[in-house]
Amino acid sequence: MTVNRMVSIMAGFMVLLSLVLAQITGQIDLFHPTWLWLTAFVGLNLFQMGFTGFCPAAKVFKAMGLKEATNACGTSSSGKGCC
């Protein structure tokens, strides 16, 4: 487990927890279609990406030609280290 994956898991969990707590306390009603479902979708994507490593947004951005971040050695952050 990497720091980046754990951050995604924690962020997704907190987003989902905030929605659940708001539903329980009556501040929102998730049973009616609203923009809050977009928040739930983002939270679920963050949470699952932390475990699986699959991110739909990353696939789209790669298809658009964006490059992955590189480390100080110039290799991909997902590749094996060169230093």
N, C-alpha and C. Protein backbone atom coordinates (compact mmCIF):
# COMPACT_ATOMS: atom_id res chain seq x y z
N MET A 1 0.85 -1.17 0.00
CA MET A 1 0.00 0.00 0.00
C MET A 1 0.90 1.23 0.00
N THR A 2 0.63 2.13 -0.94
CA THR A 2 1.42 3.36 -1.03
C THR A 2 0.68 4.51 -0.34
N VAL A 3 1.40 5.58 -0.10
CA VAL A 3 0.81 6.76 0.52
C VAL A 3 -0.30 7.31 -0.37
N ASN A 4 -0.07 7.37 -1.68
CA ASN A 4 -1.08 7.90 -2.59
C ASN A 4 -2.38 7.09 -2.54
N ARG A 5 -2.25 5.78 -2.49
CA ARG A 5 -3.44 4.94 -2.43
C ARG A 5 -4.16 5.13 -1.10
N MET A 6 -3.41 5.23 -0.01
CA MET A 6 -4.04 5.42 1.30
C MET A 6 -4.74 6.78 1.36
N VAL A 7 -4.16 7.80 0.75
CA VAL A 7 -4.80 9.12 0.71
C VAL A 7 -6.12 9.03 -0.06
N SER A 8 -6.13 8.30 -1.16
CA SER A 8 -7.36 8.13 -1.94
C SER A 8 -8.42 7.40 -1.13
N ILE A 9 -8.03 6.35 -0.44
CA ILE A 9 -8.97 5.60 0.39
C ILE A 9 -9.54 6.50 1.48
N MET A 10 -8.69 7.24 2.15
CA MET A 10 -9.14 8.11 3.24
C MET A 10 -10.04 9.23 2.71
N ALA A 11 -9.67 9.84 1.60
CA ALA A 11 -10.48 10.92 1.03
C ALA A 11 -11.85 10.40 0.60
N GLY A 12 -11.86 9.26 -0.09
CA GLY A 12 -13.13 8.68 -0.51
C GLY A 12 -14.01 8.32 0.67
N PHE A 13 -13.40 7.75 1.70
CA PHE A 13 -14.15 7.38 2.90
C PHE A 13 -14.76 8.62 3.57
N MET A 14 -13.99 9.69 3.68
CA MET A 14 -14.48 10.90 4.33
C MET A 14 -15.62 11.55 3.54
N VAL A 15 -15.52 11.55 2.22
CA VAL A 15 -16.59 12.10 1.39
C VAL A 15 -17.87 11.30 1.60
N LEU A 16 -17.74 9.97 1.55
CA LEU A 16 -18.92 9.11 1.74
C LEU A 16 -19.47 9.22 3.15
N LEU A 17 -18.59 9.29 4.14
CA LEU A 17 -19.03 9.44 5.53
C LEU A 17 -19.81 10.74 5.72
N SER A 18 -19.34 11.82 5.12
CA SER A 18 -20.04 13.10 5.27
C SER A 18 -21.44 13.02 4.67
N LEU A 19 -21.60 12.32 3.55
CA LEU A 19 -22.92 12.16 2.95
C LEU A 19 -23.83 11.31 3.84
N VAL A 20 -23.29 10.23 4.38
CA VAL A 20 -24.08 9.36 5.25
C VAL A 20 -24.51 10.11 6.51
N LEU A 21 -23.60 10.84 7.13
CA LEU A 21 -23.93 11.58 8.34
C LEU A 21 -24.96 12.68 8.06
N ALA A 22 -24.84 13.34 6.92
CA ALA A 22 -25.82 14.37 6.55
C ALA A 22 -27.18 13.74 6.31
N GLN A 23 -27.21 12.55 5.73
CA GLN A 23 -28.48 11.83 5.52
C GLN A 23 -29.10 11.44 6.85
N ILE A 24 -28.29 10.90 7.75
CA ILE A 24 -28.80 10.44 9.05
C ILE A 24 -29.36 11.59 9.87
N THR A 25 -28.69 12.73 9.85
CA THR A 25 -29.13 13.87 10.66
C THR A 25 -30.23 14.69 9.99
N GLY A 26 -30.63 14.30 8.78
CA GLY A 26 -31.73 14.98 8.10
C GLY A 26 -31.34 16.25 7.37
N GLN A 27 -30.07 16.52 7.22
CA GLN A 27 -29.63 17.72 6.53
C GLN A 27 -29.82 17.61 5.02
N ILE A 28 -29.76 16.38 4.50
CA ILE A 28 -29.97 16.13 3.07
C ILE A 28 -30.86 14.91 2.92
N ASP A 29 -31.39 14.72 1.72
CA ASP A 29 -32.19 13.54 1.42
C ASP A 29 -31.62 12.90 0.16
N LEU A 30 -30.85 11.85 0.35
CA LEU A 30 -30.19 11.18 -0.79
C LEU A 30 -31.15 10.31 -1.60
N PHE A 31 -32.40 10.20 -1.15
CA PHE A 31 -33.35 9.37 -1.88
C PHE A 31 -34.03 10.13 -3.02
N HIS A 32 -33.72 11.43 -3.14
CA HIS A 32 -34.21 12.23 -4.26
C HIS A 32 -33.02 12.57 -5.15
N PRO A 33 -33.17 12.46 -6.47
CA PRO A 33 -32.05 12.75 -7.37
C PRO A 33 -31.58 14.21 -7.23
N THR A 34 -30.35 14.37 -6.86
CA THR A 34 -29.76 15.70 -6.72
C THR A 34 -28.31 15.64 -7.18
N TRP A 35 -27.66 16.77 -7.14
CA TRP A 35 -26.24 16.84 -7.48
C TRP A 35 -25.36 16.15 -6.43
N LEU A 36 -25.92 15.82 -5.29
CA LEU A 36 -25.15 15.13 -4.27
C LEU A 36 -24.73 13.73 -4.73
N TRP A 37 -25.45 13.18 -5.71
CA TRP A 37 -25.05 11.87 -6.25
C TRP A 37 -23.71 11.98 -6.97
N LEU A 38 -23.40 13.16 -7.52
CA LEU A 38 -22.07 13.36 -8.12
C LEU A 38 -21.00 13.28 -7.04
N THR A 39 -21.29 13.84 -5.88
CA THR A 39 -20.36 13.75 -4.75
C THR A 39 -20.16 12.31 -4.33
N ALA A 40 -21.25 11.55 -4.28
CA ALA A 40 -21.15 10.13 -3.93
C ALA A 40 -20.34 9.37 -4.96
N PHE A 41 -20.52 9.66 -6.23
CA PHE A 41 -19.77 9.02 -7.30
C PHE A 41 -18.27 9.28 -7.17
N VAL A 42 -17.92 10.54 -6.90
CA VAL A 42 -16.51 10.89 -6.73
C VAL A 42 -15.92 10.18 -5.51
N GLY A 43 -16.66 10.16 -4.42
CA GLY A 43 -16.19 9.49 -3.22
C GLY A 43 -15.97 8.00 -3.45
N LEU A 44 -16.91 7.35 -4.13
CA LEU A 44 -16.77 5.92 -4.43
C LEU A 44 -15.58 5.66 -5.35
N ASN A 45 -15.39 6.53 -6.35
CA ASN A 45 -14.23 6.37 -7.25
C ASN A 45 -12.92 6.51 -6.49
N LEU A 46 -12.82 7.50 -5.62
CA LEU A 46 -11.61 7.67 -4.82
C LEU A 46 -11.35 6.44 -3.96
N PHE A 47 -12.41 5.96 -3.32
CA PHE A 47 -12.28 4.82 -2.42
C PHE A 47 -11.84 3.56 -3.16
N GLN A 48 -12.49 3.25 -4.28
CA GLN A 48 -12.12 2.04 -5.02
C GLN A 48 -10.76 2.18 -5.68
N MET A 49 -10.38 3.39 -6.11
CA MET A 49 -9.07 3.59 -6.73
C MET A 49 -7.94 3.30 -5.74
N GLY A 50 -8.18 3.60 -4.48
CA GLY A 50 -7.18 3.31 -3.46
C GLY A 50 -6.89 1.83 -3.34
N PHE A 51 -7.90 1.00 -3.54
CA PHE A 51 -7.72 -0.45 -3.45
C PHE A 51 -7.29 -1.09 -4.76
N THR A 52 -7.89 -0.64 -5.86
CA THR A 52 -7.65 -1.32 -7.15
C THR A 52 -6.58 -0.66 -8.00
N GLY A 53 -6.36 0.64 -7.80
CA GLY A 53 -5.40 1.36 -8.63
C GLY A 53 -6.00 1.82 -9.95
N PHE A 54 -7.27 1.47 -10.22
CA PHE A 54 -7.94 1.86 -11.46
C PHE A 54 -8.67 3.17 -11.26
N CYS A 55 -8.38 4.14 -12.12
CA CYS A 55 -9.02 5.45 -12.05
C CYS A 55 -9.56 5.81 -13.43
N PRO A 56 -10.88 5.87 -13.60
CA PRO A 56 -11.44 6.20 -14.90
C PRO A 56 -10.97 7.55 -15.44
N ALA A 57 -10.84 8.55 -14.56
CA ALA A 57 -10.38 9.86 -15.01
C ALA A 57 -8.96 9.79 -15.56
N ALA A 58 -8.10 8.99 -14.93
CA ALA A 58 -6.72 8.84 -15.42
C ALA A 58 -6.70 8.24 -16.82
N LYS A 59 -7.58 7.26 -17.06
CA LYS A 59 -7.68 6.65 -18.40
C LYS A 59 -8.07 7.70 -19.44
N VAL A 60 -9.03 8.54 -19.11
CA VAL A 60 -9.49 9.58 -20.03
C VAL A 60 -8.36 10.57 -20.31
N PHE A 61 -7.67 11.00 -19.25
CA PHE A 61 -6.59 11.98 -19.42
C PHE A 61 -5.43 11.40 -20.24
N LYS A 62 -5.12 10.13 -20.02
CA LYS A 62 -4.07 9.48 -20.82
C LYS A 62 -4.48 9.41 -22.28
N ALA A 63 -5.75 9.11 -22.53
CA ALA A 63 -6.26 9.05 -23.91
C ALA A 63 -6.20 10.43 -24.58
N MET A 64 -6.28 11.49 -23.78
CA MET A 64 -6.18 12.85 -24.31
C MET A 64 -4.73 13.25 -24.57
N GLY A 65 -3.78 12.39 -24.19
CA GLY A 65 -2.38 12.67 -24.46
C GLY A 65 -1.58 13.23 -23.30
N LEU A 66 -2.19 13.35 -22.13
CA LEU A 66 -1.44 13.84 -20.97
C LEU A 66 -0.47 12.76 -20.49
N LYS A 67 0.66 13.19 -19.99
CA LYS A 67 1.68 12.26 -19.53
C LYS A 67 1.60 12.08 -18.02
N GLU A 68 2.12 10.92 -17.56
CA GLU A 68 2.19 10.67 -16.12
C GLU A 68 3.33 11.48 -15.52
N ALA A 69 3.24 11.74 -14.22
CA ALA A 69 4.30 12.45 -13.52
C ALA A 69 5.56 11.61 -13.52
N THR A 70 6.70 12.27 -13.51
CA THR A 70 7.97 11.57 -13.43
C THR A 70 8.68 11.96 -12.15
N ASN A 71 9.58 11.08 -11.70
CA ASN A 71 10.35 11.41 -10.51
C ASN A 71 11.63 12.14 -10.91
N ALA A 72 12.52 12.37 -9.99
CA ALA A 72 13.74 13.12 -10.25
C ALA A 72 14.63 12.43 -11.28
N CYS A 73 14.51 11.13 -11.43
CA CYS A 73 15.34 10.39 -12.37
C CYS A 73 14.77 10.40 -13.78
N GLY A 74 13.56 10.94 -13.94
CA GLY A 74 12.97 11.01 -15.25
C GLY A 74 12.17 9.78 -15.64
N THR A 75 11.95 8.86 -14.69
CA THR A 75 11.15 7.69 -15.00
C THR A 75 9.73 7.89 -14.51
N SER A 76 8.82 7.10 -15.03
CA SER A 76 7.42 7.19 -14.64
C SER A 76 7.29 6.88 -13.16
N SER A 77 6.35 7.55 -12.52
CA SER A 77 6.15 7.33 -11.09
C SER A 77 5.64 5.92 -10.81
N SER A 78 5.06 5.26 -11.84
CA SER A 78 4.57 3.91 -11.64
C SER A 78 5.63 2.86 -11.97
N GLY A 79 6.75 3.29 -12.57
CA GLY A 79 7.79 2.35 -12.93
C GLY A 79 8.71 2.04 -11.76
N LYS A 80 9.58 1.08 -11.96
CA LYS A 80 10.54 0.74 -10.92
C LYS A 80 11.61 1.83 -10.85
N GLY A 81 12.13 2.06 -9.67
CA GLY A 81 13.09 3.14 -9.45
C GLY A 81 14.38 2.98 -10.24
N CYS A 82 15.00 4.11 -10.55
CA CYS A 82 16.26 4.06 -11.29
C CYS A 82 17.43 4.49 -10.42
N CYS A 83 17.14 5.06 -9.27
CA CYS A 83 18.21 5.60 -8.43
C CYS A 83 18.64 4.63 -7.36
